[in-house]
Structures are given as C-alpha cells and as structure tokens.
Amino acid sequence: MAHNRYTNEEIAKRGKRLYADRIRALVDTRENMGKIVSIDIETVDYHVERDVLQAAEPLHKARKDAAVWSERIRYGEAFALGGGSITKQTK
C-alpha cells in the first residue's frame, strides 16, 4: 500500500541511505545478524526484531502514519516494496 506522503521509491531511497549512513553502525552486530531493522524515515527512530511486523510495530504505535523502511541486517532489503523477496547478501 502506498504511503500518503511518499512513494515506495522515496521510502526505499531514504531508508537505504539512513541505514547506510546512520543506523548500520549501531545495529550491525553478530547478535543482530539476520534480524530486521525497521526505520521511520522521518524521525530516524528504529527498532530491531526477528520479524518484520514486530520490528515495524513500535514505530507505527509511536506514529500511526510513519513511513517505515525495513532491512535485514547484513543481508540487504527484507522485502521489496510491492512484493517479492530479495536475498542478496551485502557486506
């Protein structure tokens, strides 16, 4: 489902940039490998869980209209916006 302020492409672009520039260094640990990090692209709040729905839930509870990007730690995108699965491993 499309967000009311951002396109899926804008959410992905901002989410990937925030993860690479600000959040990866905070969450990329052995304990978190393979977990999901969800990021509110406006507030830069984030949450880590094993499941994408559990990772995004606190962000949506804090802000009902949060624009959230989710990524699997050390493996790239957790899912493709609009469907599909991505299994590309990143460094």
PDB file of N, CA and C in Angstrom:
ATOM      1  N   MET A   1       0.838  -1.170   0.000  1.00  0.00           N
ATOM      2  CA  MET A   1       0.000   0.000   0.000  1.00  0.00           C
ATOM      3  C   MET A   1       0.888   1.240   0.000  1.00  0.00           C
ATOM      4  N   ALA A   2       0.536   2.213  -0.787  1.00  0.00           N
ATOM      5  CA  ALA A   2       1.306   3.444  -0.887  1.00  0.00           C
ATOM      6  C   ALA A   2       1.118   4.294   0.359  1.00  0.00           C
ATOM      7  N   HIS A   3       2.157   5.012   0.711  1.00  0.00           N
ATOM      8  CA  HIS A   3       2.114   5.933   1.834  1.00  0.00           C
ATOM      9  C   HIS A   3       1.476   7.234   1.348  1.00  0.00           C
ATOM     10  N   ASN A   4       0.869   8.001   2.247  1.00  0.00           N
ATOM     11  CA  ASN A   4       0.177   9.216   1.816  1.00  0.00           C
ATOM     12  C   ASN A   4       1.109  10.399   1.551  1.00  0.00           C
ATOM     13  N   ARG A   5       2.368  10.333   1.970  1.00  0.00           N
ATOM     14  CA  ARG A   5       3.309  11.434   1.729  1.00  0.00           C
ATOM     15  C   ARG A   5       4.492  11.046   0.860  1.00  0.00           C
ATOM     16  N   TYR A   6       4.767   9.751   0.706  1.00  0.00           N
ATOM     17  CA  TYR A   6       5.942   9.284  -0.020  1.00  0.00           C
ATOM     18  C   TYR A   6       5.573   8.150  -0.961  1.00  0.00           C
ATOM     19  N   THR A   7       6.274   8.084  -2.073  1.00  0.00           N
ATOM     20  CA  THR A   7       6.129   6.925  -2.948  1.00  0.00           C
ATOM     21  C   THR A   7       6.971   5.794  -2.358  1.00  0.00           C
ATOM     22  N   ASN A   8       6.710   4.581  -2.806  1.00  0.00           N
ATOM     23  CA  ASN A   8       7.525   3.445  -2.363  1.00  0.00           C
ATOM     24  C   ASN A   8       8.995   3.671  -2.696  1.00  0.00           C
ATOM     25  N   GLU A   9       9.251   4.275  -3.853  1.00  0.00           N
ATOM     26  CA  GLU A   9      10.628   4.533  -4.273  1.00  0.00           C
ATOM     27  C   GLU A   9      11.318   5.524  -3.339  1.00  0.00           C
ATOM     28  N   GLU A  10      10.583   6.562  -2.911  1.00  0.00           N
ATOM     29  CA  GLU A  10      11.153   7.547  -1.978  1.00  0.00           C
ATOM     30  C   GLU A  10      11.445   6.914  -0.620  1.00  0.00           C
ATOM     31  N   ILE A  11      10.542   6.076  -0.142  1.00  0.00           N
ATOM     32  CA  ILE A  11      10.766   5.393   1.136  1.00  0.00           C
ATOM     33  C   ILE A  11      12.003   4.509   1.037  1.00  0.00           C
ATOM     34  N   ALA A  12      12.115   3.751  -0.039  1.00  0.00           N
ATOM     35  CA  ALA A  12      13.274   2.864  -0.217  1.00  0.00           C
ATOM     36  C   ALA A  12      14.573   3.656  -0.293  1.00  0.00           C
ATOM     37  N   LYS A  13      14.583   4.720  -1.074  1.00  0.00           N
ATOM     38  CA  LYS A  13      15.796   5.520  -1.237  1.00  0.00           C
ATOM     39  C   LYS A  13      16.237   6.132   0.093  1.00  0.00           C
ATOM     40  N   ARG A  14      15.305   6.748   0.801  1.00  0.00           N
ATOM     41  CA  ARG A  14      15.639   7.376   2.082  1.00  0.00           C
ATOM     42  C   ARG A  14      16.009   6.337   3.128  1.00  0.00           C
ATOM     43  N   GLY A  15      15.265   5.226   3.156  1.00  0.00           N
ATOM     44  CA  GLY A  15      15.554   4.168   4.126  1.00  0.00           C
ATOM     45  C   GLY A  15      16.929   3.559   3.935  1.00  0.00           C
ATOM     46  N   LYS A  16      17.277   3.262   2.696  1.00  0.00           N
ATOM     47  CA  LYS A  16      18.598   2.692   2.409  1.00  0.00           C
ATOM     48  C   LYS A  16      19.706   3.664   2.799  1.00  0.00           C
ATOM     49  N   ARG A  17      19.504   4.947   2.489  1.00  0.00           N
ATOM     50  CA  ARG A  17      20.526   5.956   2.813  1.00  0.00           C
ATOM     51  C   ARG A  17      20.679   6.099   4.332  1.00  0.00           C
ATOM     52  N   LEU A  18      19.563   6.173   5.055  1.00  0.00           N
ATOM     53  CA  LEU A  18      19.630   6.281   6.513  1.00  0.00           C
ATOM     54  C   LEU A  18      20.302   5.065   7.130  1.00  0.00           C
ATOM     55  N   TYR A  19      19.956   3.884   6.623  1.00  0.00           N
ATOM     56  CA  TYR A  19      20.570   2.666   7.156  1.00  0.00           C
ATOM     57  C   TYR A  19      22.083   2.704   6.935  1.00  0.00           C
ATOM     58  N   ALA A  20      22.509   3.010   5.732  1.00  0.00           N
ATOM     59  CA  ALA A  20      23.927   3.012   5.405  1.00  0.00           C
ATOM     60  C   ALA A  20      24.690   4.095   6.167  1.00  0.00           C
ATOM     61  N   ASP A  21      24.116   5.289   6.255  1.00  0.00           N
ATOM     62  CA  ASP A  21      24.834   6.430   6.817  1.00  0.00           C
ATOM     63  C   ASP A  21      24.762   6.551   8.334  1.00  0.00           C
ATOM     64  N   ARG A  22      23.668   6.081   8.950  1.00  0.00           N
ATOM     65  CA  ARG A  22      23.476   6.372  10.373  1.00  0.00           C
ATOM     66  C   ARG A  22      23.173   5.175  11.253  1.00  0.00           C
ATOM     67  N   ILE A  23      22.514   4.162  10.723  1.00  0.00           N
ATOM     68  CA  ILE A  23      21.995   3.111  11.600  1.00  0.00           C
ATOM     69  C   ILE A  23      22.804   1.824  11.552  1.00  0.00           C
ATOM     70  N   ARG A  24      23.362   1.502  10.401  1.00  0.00           N
ATOM     71  CA  ARG A  24      24.114   0.253  10.267  1.00  0.00           C
ATOM     72  C   ARG A  24      25.166   0.110  11.363  1.00  0.00           C
ATOM     73  N   ALA A  25      25.925   1.158  11.616  1.00  0.00           N
ATOM     74  CA  ALA A  25      26.991   1.094  12.623  1.00  0.00           C
ATOM     75  C   ALA A  25      26.447   0.801  14.023  1.00  0.00           C
ATOM     76  N   LEU A  26      25.197   1.146  14.271  1.00  0.00           N
ATOM     77  CA  LEU A  26      24.594   0.924  15.586  1.00  0.00           C
ATOM     78  C   LEU A  26      24.023  -0.476  15.763  1.00  0.00           C
ATOM     79  N   VAL A  27      23.599  -1.104  14.670  1.00  0.00           N
ATOM     80  CA  VAL A  27      22.877  -2.385  14.789  1.00  0.00           C
ATOM     81  C   VAL A  27      23.597  -3.576  14.183  1.00  0.00           C
ATOM     82  N   ASP A  28      24.647  -3.348  13.419  1.00  0.00           N
ATOM     83  CA  ASP A  28      25.328  -4.442  12.714  1.00  0.00           C
ATOM     84  C   ASP A  28      26.267  -5.173  13.660  1.00  0.00           C
ATOM     85  N   THR A  29      25.684  -6.094  14.439  1.00  0.00           N
ATOM     86  CA  THR A  29      26.436  -6.902  15.394  1.00  0.00           C
ATOM     87  C   THR A  29      26.174  -8.374  15.108  1.00  0.00           C
ATOM     88  N   ARG A  30      27.001  -9.219  15.663  1.00  0.00           N
ATOM     89  CA  ARG A  30      26.819 -10.668  15.492  1.00  0.00           C
ATOM     90  C   ARG A  30      25.447 -11.099  16.031  1.00  0.00           C
ATOM     91  N   GLU A  31      25.031 -10.523  17.149  1.00  0.00           N
ATOM     92  CA  GLU A  31      23.748 -10.894  17.761  1.00  0.00           C
ATOM     93  C   GLU A  31      22.566 -10.504  16.875  1.00  0.00           C
ATOM     94  N   ASN A  32      22.712  -9.436  16.098  1.00  0.00           N
ATOM     95  CA  ASN A  32      21.615  -8.963  15.253  1.00  0.00           C
ATOM     96  C   ASN A  32      21.643  -9.507  13.836  1.00  0.00           C
ATOM     97  N   MET A  33      22.669 -10.251  13.469  1.00  0.00           N
ATOM     98  CA  MET A  33      22.788 -10.765  12.100  1.00  0.00           C
ATOM     99  C   MET A  33      21.532 -11.543  11.705  1.00  0.00           C
ATOM    100  N   GLY A  34      20.916 -11.126  10.606  1.00  0.00           N
ATOM    101  CA  GLY A  34      19.715 -11.783  10.103  1.00  0.00           C
ATOM    102  C   GLY A  34      18.418 -11.231  10.649  1.00  0.00           C
ATOM    103  N   LYS A  35      18.502 -10.403  11.690  1.00  0.00           N
ATOM    104  CA  LYS A  35      17.288  -9.766  12.224  1.00  0.00           C
ATOM    105  C   LYS A  35      16.865  -8.626  11.305  1.00  0.00           C
ATOM    106  N   ILE A  36      15.700  -8.088  11.576  1.00  0.00           N
ATOM    107  CA  ILE A  36      15.135  -6.996  10.797  1.00  0.00           C
ATOM    108  C   ILE A  36      15.284  -5.687  11.569  1.00  0.00           C
ATOM    109  N   VAL A  37      15.748  -4.655  10.878  1.00  0.00           N
ATOM    110  CA  VAL A  37      15.701  -3.304  11.433  1.00  0.00           C
ATOM    111  C   VAL A  37      14.669  -2.529  10.629  1.00  0.00           C
ATOM    112  N   SER A  38      13.727  -1.912  11.330  1.00  0.00           N
ATOM    113  CA  SER A  38      12.733  -1.050  10.696  1.00  0.00           C
ATOM    114  C   SER A  38      13.038   0.381  11.107  1.00  0.00           C
ATOM    115  N   ILE A  39      12.960   1.293  10.127  1.00  0.00           N
ATOM    116  CA  ILE A  39      13.365   2.677  10.329  1.00  0.00           C
ATOM    117  C   ILE A  39      12.221   3.600   9.909  1.00  0.00           C
ATOM    118  N   ASP A  40      11.853   4.524  10.790  1.00  0.00           N
ATOM    119  CA  ASP A  40      10.929   5.585  10.422  1.00  0.00           C
ATOM    120  C   ASP A  40      11.779   6.619   9.685  1.00  0.00           C
ATOM    121  N   ILE A  41      11.543   6.802   8.399  1.00  0.00           N
ATOM    122  CA  ILE A  41      12.422   7.651   7.586  1.00  0.00           C
ATOM    123  C   ILE A  41      12.297   9.136   7.918  1.00  0.00           C
ATOM    124  N   GLU A  42      11.295   9.518   8.680  1.00  0.00           N
ATOM    125  CA  GLU A  42      11.148  10.925   9.055  1.00  0.00           C
ATOM    126  C   GLU A  42      11.805  11.228  10.401  1.00  0.00           C
ATOM    127  N   THR A  43      11.602  10.379  11.383  1.00  0.00           N
ATOM    128  CA  THR A  43      12.147  10.622  12.719  1.00  0.00           C
ATOM    129  C   THR A  43      13.500   9.951  12.927  1.00  0.00           C
ATOM    130  N   VAL A  44      13.829   8.989  12.091  1.00  0.00           N
ATOM    131  CA  VAL A  44      15.031   8.156  12.168  1.00  0.00           C
ATOM    132  C   VAL A  44      15.006   7.261  13.411  1.00  0.00           C
ATOM    133  N   ASP A  45      13.843   7.094  14.023  1.00  0.00           N
ATOM    134  CA  ASP A  45      13.684   6.090  15.068  1.00  0.00           C
ATOM    135  C   ASP A  45      13.780   4.731  14.394  1.00  0.00           C
ATOM    136  N   TYR A  46      14.277   3.738  15.116  1.00  0.00           N
ATOM    137  CA  TYR A  46      14.383   2.399  14.538  1.00  0.00           C
ATOM    138  C   TYR A  46      14.148   1.363  15.615  1.00  0.00           C
ATOM    139  N   HIS A  47      13.855   0.144  15.160  1.00  0.00           N
ATOM    140  CA  HIS A  47      13.617  -0.965  16.082  1.00  0.00           C
ATOM    141  C   HIS A  47      14.101  -2.245  15.411  1.00  0.00           C
ATOM    142  N   VAL A  48      14.705  -3.138  16.190  1.00  0.00           N
ATOM    143  CA  VAL A  48      15.247  -4.401  15.687  1.00  0.00           C
ATOM    144  C   VAL A  48      14.475  -5.565  16.298  1.00  0.00           C
ATOM    145  N   GLU A  49      14.049  -6.489  15.445  1.00  0.00           N
ATOM    146  CA  GLU A  49      13.359  -7.716  15.879  1.00  0.00           C
ATOM    147  C   GLU A  49      13.669  -8.822  14.874  1.00  0.00           C
ATOM    148  N   ARG A  50      13.234 -10.026  15.168  1.00  0.00           N
ATOM    149  CA  ARG A  50      13.422 -11.156  14.248  1.00  0.00           C
ATOM    150  C   ARG A  50      12.427 -11.137  13.096  1.00  0.00           C
ATOM    151  N   ASP A  51      11.300 -10.471  13.269  1.00  0.00           N
ATOM    152  CA  ASP A  51      10.209 -10.474  12.303  1.00  0.00           C
ATOM    153  C   ASP A  51       9.927  -9.043  11.858  1.00  0.00           C
ATOM    154  N   VAL A  52       9.647  -8.848  10.570  1.00  0.00           N
ATOM    155  CA  VAL A  52       9.429  -7.508  10.040  1.00  0.00           C
ATOM    156  C   VAL A  52       8.219  -6.825  10.672  1.00  0.00           C
ATOM    157  N   LEU A  53       7.159  -7.545  10.944  1.00  0.00           N
ATOM    158  CA  LEU A  53       5.984  -6.936  11.553  1.00  0.00           C
ATOM    159  C   LEU A  53       6.282  -6.494  12.986  1.00  0.00           C
ATOM    160  N   GLN A  54       7.015  -7.314  13.729  1.00  0.00           N
ATOM    161  CA  GLN A  54       7.386  -6.951  15.097  1.00  0.00           C
ATOM    162  C   GLN A  54       8.347  -5.771  15.117  1.00  0.00           C
ATOM    163  N   ALA A  55       9.216  -5.675  14.129  1.00  0.00           N
ATOM    164  CA  ALA A  55      10.169  -4.566  14.080  1.00  0.00           C
ATOM    165  C   ALA A  55       9.476  -3.251  13.740  1.00  0.00           C
ATOM    166  N   ALA A  56       8.475  -3.297  12.894  1.00  0.00           N
ATOM    167  CA  ALA A  56       7.778  -2.074  12.471  1.00  0.00           C
ATOM    168  C   ALA A  56       6.700  -1.633  13.454  1.00  0.00           C
ATOM    169  N   GLU A  57       6.149  -2.567  14.206  1.00  0.00           N
ATOM    170  CA  GLU A  57       5.015  -2.260  15.080  1.00  0.00           C
ATOM    171  C   GLU A  57       5.274  -1.106  16.053  1.00  0.00           C
ATOM    172  N   PRO A  58       6.391  -1.064  16.780  1.00  0.00           N
ATOM    173  CA  PRO A  58       6.602   0.054  17.710  1.00  0.00           C
ATOM    174  C   PRO A  58       6.668   1.413  17.003  1.00  0.00           C
ATOM    175  N   LEU A  59       7.172   1.430  15.778  1.00  0.00           N
ATOM    176  CA  LEU A  59       7.255   2.683  15.030  1.00  0.00           C
ATOM    177  C   LEU A  59       5.866   3.172  14.643  1.00  0.00           C
ATOM    178  N   HIS A  60       5.000   2.239  14.246  1.00  0.00           N
ATOM    179  CA  HIS A  60       3.624   2.612  13.887  1.00  0.00           C
ATOM    180  C   HIS A  60       2.792   2.945  15.127  1.00  0.00           C
ATOM    181  N   LYS A  61       3.123   2.355  16.264  1.00  0.00           N
ATOM    182  CA  LYS A  61       2.420   2.720  17.501  1.00  0.00           C
ATOM    183  C   LYS A  61       2.808   4.137  17.921  1.00  0.00           C
ATOM    184  N   ALA A  62       4.063   4.491  17.728  1.00  0.00           N
ATOM    185  CA  ALA A  62       4.536   5.827  18.089  1.00  0.00           C
ATOM    186  C   ALA A  62       3.969   6.891  17.149  1.00  0.00           C
ATOM    187  N   ARG A  63       3.883   6.534  15.861  1.00  0.00           N
ATOM    188  CA  ARG A  63       3.358   7.468  14.843  1.00  0.00           C
ATOM    189  C   ARG A  63       2.536   6.658  13.852  1.00  0.00           C
ATOM    190  N   LYS A  64       1.246   6.779  13.928  1.00  0.00           N
ATOM    191  CA  LYS A  64       0.345   5.964  13.095  1.00  0.00           C
ATOM    192  C   LYS A  64       0.677   6.060  11.606  1.00  0.00           C
ATOM    193  N   ASP A  65       1.090   7.237  11.146  1.00  0.00           N
ATOM    194  CA  ASP A  65       1.369   7.432   9.722  1.00  0.00           C
ATOM    195  C   ASP A  65       2.868   7.358   9.390  1.00  0.00           C
ATOM    196  N   ALA A  66       3.628   6.648  10.204  1.00  0.00           N
ATOM    197  CA  ALA A  66       5.076   6.536   9.982  1.00  0.00           C
ATOM    198  C   ALA A  66       5.376   5.938   8.605  1.00  0.00           C
ATOM    199  N   ALA A  67       6.375   6.490   7.957  1.00  0.00           N
ATOM    200  CA  ALA A  67       6.879   5.939   6.694  1.00  0.00           C
ATOM    201  C   ALA A  67       8.061   5.053   7.064  1.00  0.00           C
ATOM    202  N   VAL A  68       7.876   3.733   6.968  1.00  0.00           N
ATOM    203  CA  VAL A  68       8.839   2.781   7.513  1.00  0.00           C
ATOM    204  C   VAL A  68       9.531   1.984   6.407  1.00  0.00           C
ATOM    205  N   TRP A  69      10.849   1.905   6.517  1.00  0.00           N
ATOM    206  CA  TRP A  69      11.677   1.058   5.656  1.00  0.00           C
ATOM    207  C   TRP A  69      12.234  -0.048   6.530  1.00  0.00           C
ATOM    208  N   SER A  70      12.220  -1.283   6.032  1.00  0.00           N
ATOM    209  CA  SER A  70      12.757  -2.423   6.775  1.00  0.00           C
ATOM    210  C   SER A  70      13.844  -3.107   5.968  1.00  0.00           C
ATOM    211  N   GLU A  71      14.875  -3.538   6.686  1.00  0.00           N
ATOM    212  CA  GLU A  71      16.009  -4.176   6.036  1.00  0.00           C
ATOM    213  C   GLU A  71      16.533  -5.282   6.943  1.00  0.00           C
ATOM    214  N   ARG A  72      16.964  -6.379   6.329  1.00  0.00           N
ATOM    215  CA  ARG A  72      17.543  -7.472   7.096  1.00  0.00           C
ATOM    216  C   ARG A  72      19.019  -7.144   7.334  1.00  0.00           C
ATOM    217  N   ILE A  73      19.428  -7.181   8.583  1.00  0.00           N
ATOM    218  CA  ILE A  73      20.790  -6.805   8.954  1.00  0.00           C
ATOM    219  C   ILE A  73      21.791  -7.797   8.356  1.00  0.00           C
ATOM    220  N   ARG A  74      22.747  -7.261   7.625  1.00  0.00           N
ATOM    221  CA  ARG A  74      23.813  -7.962   6.907  1.00  0.00           C
ATOM    222  C   ARG A  74      23.324  -8.700   5.662  1.00  0.00           C
ATOM    223  N   TYR A  75      22.066  -8.598   5.305  1.00  0.00           N
ATOM    224  CA  TYR A  75      21.570  -9.302   4.128  1.00  0.00           C
ATOM    225  C   TYR A  75      20.859  -8.403   3.132  1.00  0.00           C
ATOM    226  N   GLY A  76      20.755  -7.112   3.372  1.00  0.00           N
ATOM    227  CA  GLY A  76      20.062  -6.232   2.439  1.00  0.00           C
ATOM    228  C   GLY A  76      18.590  -6.122   2.755  1.00  0.00           C
ATOM    229  N   GLU A  77      17.807  -5.732   1.776  1.00  0.00           N
ATOM    230  CA  GLU A  77      16.391  -5.475   1.957  1.00  0.00           C
ATOM    231  C   GLU A  77      15.666  -6.697   2.506  1.00  0.00           C
ATOM    232  N   ALA A  78      14.749  -6.436   3.407  1.00  0.00           N
ATOM    233  CA  ALA A  78      13.954  -7.520   3.984  1.00  0.00           C
ATOM    234  C   ALA A  78      12.876  -7.955   3.020  1.00  0.00           C
ATOM    235  N   PHE A  79      12.420  -7.043   2.198  1.00  0.00           N
ATOM    236  CA  PHE A  79      11.399  -7.333   1.205  1.00  0.00           C
ATOM    237  C   PHE A  79      11.420  -6.215   0.197  1.00  0.00           C
ATOM    238  N   ALA A  80      10.852  -6.470  -0.946  1.00  0.00           N
ATOM    239  CA  ALA A  80      10.748  -5.434  -1.969  1.00  0.00           C
ATOM    240  C   ALA A  80       9.392  -4.768  -1.834  1.00  0.00           C
ATOM    241  N   LEU A  81       9.351  -3.457  -1.875  1.00  0.00           N
ATOM    242  CA  LEU A  81       8.064  -2.773  -1.840  1.00  0.00           C
ATOM    243  C   LEU A  81       7.267  -3.201  -3.059  1.00  0.00           C
ATOM    244  N   GLY A  82       6.041  -3.554  -2.860  1.00  0.00           N
ATOM    245  CA  GLY A  82       5.212  -4.010  -3.961  1.00  0.00           C
ATOM    246  C   GLY A  82       5.264  -5.517  -4.141  1.00  0.00           C
ATOM    247  N   GLY A  83       5.976  -6.224  -3.276  1.00  0.00           N
ATOM    248  CA  GLY A  83       6.002  -7.686  -3.316  1.00  0.00           C
ATOM    249  C   GLY A  83       7.327  -8.229  -3.770  1.00  0.00           C
ATOM    250  N   GLY A  84       7.501  -9.514  -3.600  1.00  0.00           N
ATOM    251  CA  GLY A  84       8.737 -10.162  -3.995  1.00  0.00           C
ATOM    252  C   GLY A  84       9.682 -10.287  -2.826  1.00  0.00           C
ATOM    253  N   SER A  85      10.723 -11.041  -3.023  1.00  0.00           N
ATOM    254  CA  SER A  85      11.704 -11.287  -1.977  1.00  0.00           C
ATOM    255  C   SER A  85      13.094 -11.044  -2.530  1.00  0.00           C
ATOM    256  N   ILE A  86      13.928 -10.465  -1.704  1.00  0.00           N
ATOM    257  CA  ILE A  86      15.306 -10.192  -2.123  1.00  0.00           C
ATOM    258  C   ILE A  86      16.229 -10.927  -1.164  1.00  0.00           C
ATOM    259  N   THR A  87      17.155 -11.707  -1.684  1.00  0.00           N
ATOM    260  CA  THR A  87      18.043 -12.477  -0.830  1.00  0.00           C
ATOM    261  C   THR A  87      19.501 -12.099  -1.024  1.00  0.00           C
ATOM    262  N   LYS A  88      19.755 -10.982  -1.680  1.00  0.00           N
ATOM    263  CA  LYS A  88      21.105 -10.506  -1.937  1.00  0.00           C
ATOM    264  C   LYS A  88      21.831 -10.282  -0.612  1.00  0.00           C
ATOM    265  N   GLN A  89      23.010 -10.851  -0.449  1.00  0.00           N
ATOM    266  CA  GLN A  89      23.798 -10.632   0.757  1.00  0.00           C
ATOM    267  C   GLN A  89      24.711  -9.438   0.547  1.00  0.00           C
ATOM    268  N   THR A  90      24.798  -8.564   1.564  1.00  0.00           N
ATOM    269  CA  THR A  90      25.667  -7.403   1.497  1.00  0.00           C
ATOM    270  C   THR A  90      26.774  -7.560   2.519  1.00  0.00           C
ATOM    271  N   LYS A  91      27.804  -6.746   2.370  1.00  0.00           N
ATOM    272  CA  LYS A  91      28.932  -6.803   3.313  1.00  0.00           C
ATOM    273  C   LYS A  91      28.613  -6.081   4.576  1.00  0.00           C
TER     274      LYS A  91
END
